[in-house]
Amino acid sequence: MKDLETLLREDARETLPDEGFSRRVLGALPPRAPRRWLAPVLVLGSTALGSALAVAFAPQGVSVAQGFVDVAAMRGFTPAAVMALALGAALTAAGILLAADAD
């Protein structure tokens, strides 16, 4: 038995009896250049921005490891915990961007 994706792909390959209308419309559209550079730029840019914000909002002398200890111990929003959460959020955002790019 074929799965749904296979059935849909086979159905999409069939030509429609439209007397060339689809071909004319697609031919009138401007060519679209592939943007292979966009996904890596978004991932690297969001990671750099998030990491820079995490470091910028961290007070002097605060350790990232101490921040994760504060978060795990539920000590509230200490400066180290805020920095650790911001760094984690930046890495999570980068991971979501990578996962969304399913090419």
C-alpha atoms as a PDB file:
ATOM      1  CA  MET A   1       0.000   0.000   0.000  1.00  0.00           C
ATOM      2  CA  LYS A   2       1.310   3.426  -0.943  1.00  0.00           C
ATOM      3  CA  ASP A   3       1.598   6.146   1.638  1.00  0.00           C
ATOM      4  CA  LEU A   4      -0.097   9.500   1.267  1.00  0.00           C
ATOM      5  CA  GLU A   5       3.023  11.366   0.181  1.00  0.00           C
ATOM      6  CA  THR A   6       3.677   8.920  -2.661  1.00  0.00           C
ATOM      7  CA  LEU A   7       0.078   9.204  -3.854  1.00  0.00           C
ATOM      8  CA  LEU A   8       0.214  12.999  -3.791  1.00  0.00           C
ATOM      9  CA  ARG A   9       3.525  13.096  -5.677  1.00  0.00           C
ATOM     10  CA  GLU A  10       2.174  10.769  -8.365  1.00  0.00           C
ATOM     11  CA  ASP A  11      -0.953  12.893  -8.695  1.00  0.00           C
ATOM     12  CA  ALA A  12       1.131  16.078  -8.974  1.00  0.00           C
ATOM     13  CA  ARG A  13       3.110  14.615 -11.907  1.00  0.00           C
ATOM     14  CA  GLU A  14       0.001  14.269 -14.054  1.00  0.00           C
ATOM     15  CA  THR A  15      -0.536  17.048 -16.566  1.00  0.00           C
ATOM     16  CA  LEU A  16      -3.723  19.065 -16.509  1.00  0.00           C
ATOM     17  CA  PRO A  17      -5.709  19.548 -19.716  1.00  0.00           C
ATOM     18  CA  ASP A  18      -5.495  23.343 -19.716  1.00  0.00           C
ATOM     19  CA  GLU A  19      -4.360  23.962 -23.313  1.00  0.00           C
ATOM     20  CA  GLY A  20      -0.982  25.257 -22.171  1.00  0.00           C
ATOM     21  CA  PHE A  21      -2.309  27.830 -19.684  1.00  0.00           C
ATOM     22  CA  SER A  22      -0.074  26.661 -16.829  1.00  0.00           C
ATOM     23  CA  ARG A  23       3.004  26.693 -19.067  1.00  0.00           C
ATOM     24  CA  ARG A  24       2.237  30.247 -20.234  1.00  0.00           C
ATOM     25  CA  VAL A  25       1.688  31.512 -16.685  1.00  0.00           C
ATOM     26  CA  LEU A  26       4.878  29.906 -15.397  1.00  0.00           C
ATOM     27  CA  GLY A  27       6.759  31.248 -18.417  1.00  0.00           C
ATOM     28  CA  ALA A  28       5.569  34.793 -17.676  1.00  0.00           C
ATOM     29  CA  LEU A  29       6.860  34.734 -14.106  1.00  0.00           C
ATOM     30  CA  PRO A  30      10.298  36.246 -13.466  1.00  0.00           C
ATOM     31  CA  PRO A  31      13.023  33.693 -12.791  1.00  0.00           C
ATOM     32  CA  ARG A  32      13.633  33.041  -9.124  1.00  0.00           C
ATOM     33  CA  ALA A  33      17.231  32.704  -8.081  1.00  0.00           C
ATOM     34  CA  PRO A  34      17.884  30.127  -5.383  1.00  0.00           C
ATOM     35  CA  ARG A  35      18.877  31.598  -2.042  1.00  0.00           C
ATOM     36  CA  ARG A  36      21.219  28.943  -0.731  1.00  0.00           C
ATOM     37  CA  TRP A  37      23.044  31.511   1.384  1.00  0.00           C
ATOM     38  CA  LEU A  38      19.967  32.635   3.343  1.00  0.00           C
ATOM     39  CA  ALA A  39      19.604  29.740   5.795  1.00  0.00           C
ATOM     40  CA  PRO A  40      23.236  29.695   6.969  1.00  0.00           C
ATOM     41  CA  VAL A  41      23.213  33.485   7.328  1.00  0.00           C
ATOM     42  CA  LEU A  42      20.026  33.352   9.419  1.00  0.00           C
ATOM     43  CA  VAL A  43      21.374  30.593  11.646  1.00  0.00           C
ATOM     44  CA  LEU A  44      24.763  32.216  12.178  1.00  0.00           C
ATOM     45  CA  GLY A  45      23.268  35.679  12.543  1.00  0.00           C
ATOM     46  CA  SER A  46      20.673  34.666  15.106  1.00  0.00           C
ATOM     47  CA  THR A  47      23.241  32.678  17.058  1.00  0.00           C
ATOM     48  CA  ALA A  48      25.679  35.582  17.057  1.00  0.00           C
ATOM     49  CA  LEU A  49      22.985  38.084  18.028  1.00  0.00           C
ATOM     50  CA  GLY A  50      21.611  35.922  20.817  1.00  0.00           C
ATOM     51  CA  SER A  51      25.041  35.159  22.186  1.00  0.00           C
ATOM     52  CA  ALA A  52      26.058  38.822  22.032  1.00  0.00           C
ATOM     53  CA  LEU A  53      22.900  39.827  23.910  1.00  0.00           C
ATOM     54  CA  ALA A  54      23.516  37.142  26.521  1.00  0.00           C
ATOM     55  CA  VAL A  55      27.055  38.365  27.075  1.00  0.00           C
ATOM     56  CA  ALA A  56      26.004  42.045  27.005  1.00  0.00           C
ATOM     57  CA  PHE A  57      23.371  41.572  29.709  1.00  0.00           C
ATOM     58  CA  ALA A  58      25.625  39.470  31.917  1.00  0.00           C
ATOM     59  CA  PRO A  59      27.326  41.268  34.763  1.00  0.00           C
ATOM     60  CA  GLN A  60      31.089  41.128  35.110  1.00  0.00           C
ATOM     61  CA  GLY A  61      32.552  37.990  36.607  1.00  0.00           C
ATOM     62  CA  VAL A  62      29.482  35.795  36.136  1.00  0.00           C
ATOM     63  CA  SER A  63      30.052  32.253  34.975  1.00  0.00           C
ATOM     64  CA  VAL A  64      27.744  30.534  32.507  1.00  0.00           C
ATOM     65  CA  ALA A  65      28.153  27.292  34.458  1.00  0.00           C
ATOM     66  CA  GLN A  66      27.034  29.070  37.639  1.00  0.00           C
ATOM     67  CA  GLY A  67      24.010  30.330  35.738  1.00  0.00           C
ATOM     68  CA  PHE A  68      22.953  26.826  34.789  1.00  0.00           C
ATOM     69  CA  VAL A  69      23.470  25.732  38.404  1.00  0.00           C
ATOM     70  CA  ASP A  70      21.213  28.615  39.534  1.00  0.00           C
ATOM     71  CA  VAL A  71      18.551  27.623  36.993  1.00  0.00           C
ATOM     72  CA  ALA A  72      18.702  23.955  38.035  1.00  0.00           C
ATOM     73  CA  ALA A  73      18.477  24.882  41.725  1.00  0.00           C
ATOM     74  CA  MET A  74      15.518  27.213  41.020  1.00  0.00           C
ATOM     75  CA  ARG A  75      17.213  30.147  42.754  1.00  0.00           C
ATOM     76  CA  GLY A  76      15.225  32.715  40.845  1.00  0.00           C
ATOM     77  CA  PHE A  77      16.484  35.148  38.284  1.00  0.00           C
ATOM     78  CA  THR A  78      20.028  35.743  39.388  1.00  0.00           C
ATOM     79  CA  PRO A  79      22.216  37.568  36.859  1.00  0.00           C
ATOM     80  CA  ALA A  80      24.018  34.326  36.045  1.00  0.00           C
ATOM     81  CA  ALA A  81      20.709  32.510  35.540  1.00  0.00           C
ATOM     82  CA  VAL A  82      19.428  35.214  33.196  1.00  0.00           C
ATOM     83  CA  MET A  83      22.610  34.966  31.148  1.00  0.00           C
ATOM     84  CA  ALA A  84      22.355  31.174  30.991  1.00  0.00           C
ATOM     85  CA  LEU A  85      18.695  31.340  29.936  1.00  0.00           C
ATOM     86  CA  ALA A  86      19.456  33.937  27.257  1.00  0.00           C
ATOM     87  CA  LEU A  87      22.307  31.830  25.911  1.00  0.00           C
ATOM     88  CA  GLY A  88      20.067  28.769  25.901  1.00  0.00           C
ATOM     89  CA  ALA A  89      17.330  30.705  24.091  1.00  0.00           C
ATOM     90  CA  ALA A  90      19.788  31.825  21.412  1.00  0.00           C
ATOM     91  CA  LEU A  91      20.951  28.272  20.816  1.00  0.00           C
ATOM     92  CA  THR A  92      17.348  27.020  20.800  1.00  0.00           C
ATOM     93  CA  ALA A  93      16.408  29.622  18.179  1.00  0.00           C
ATOM     94  CA  ALA A  94      19.341  28.523  16.039  1.00  0.00           C
ATOM     95  CA  GLY A  95      18.258  24.913  16.379  1.00  0.00           C
ATOM     96  CA  ILE A  96      14.690  25.759  15.356  1.00  0.00           C
ATOM     97  CA  LEU A  97      15.970  27.554  12.263  1.00  0.00           C
ATOM     98  CA  LEU A  98      18.069  24.542  11.351  1.00  0.00           C
ATOM     99  CA  ALA A  99      15.159  22.177  11.874  1.00  0.00           C
ATOM    100  CA  ALA A 100      12.818  24.354   9.810  1.00  0.00           C
ATOM    101  CA  ASP A 101      15.189  24.230   6.856  1.00  0.00           C
ATOM    102  CA  ALA A 102      14.267  20.762   5.591  1.00  0.00           C
ATOM    103  CA  ASP A 103      15.924  20.951   2.174  1.00  0.00           C
END
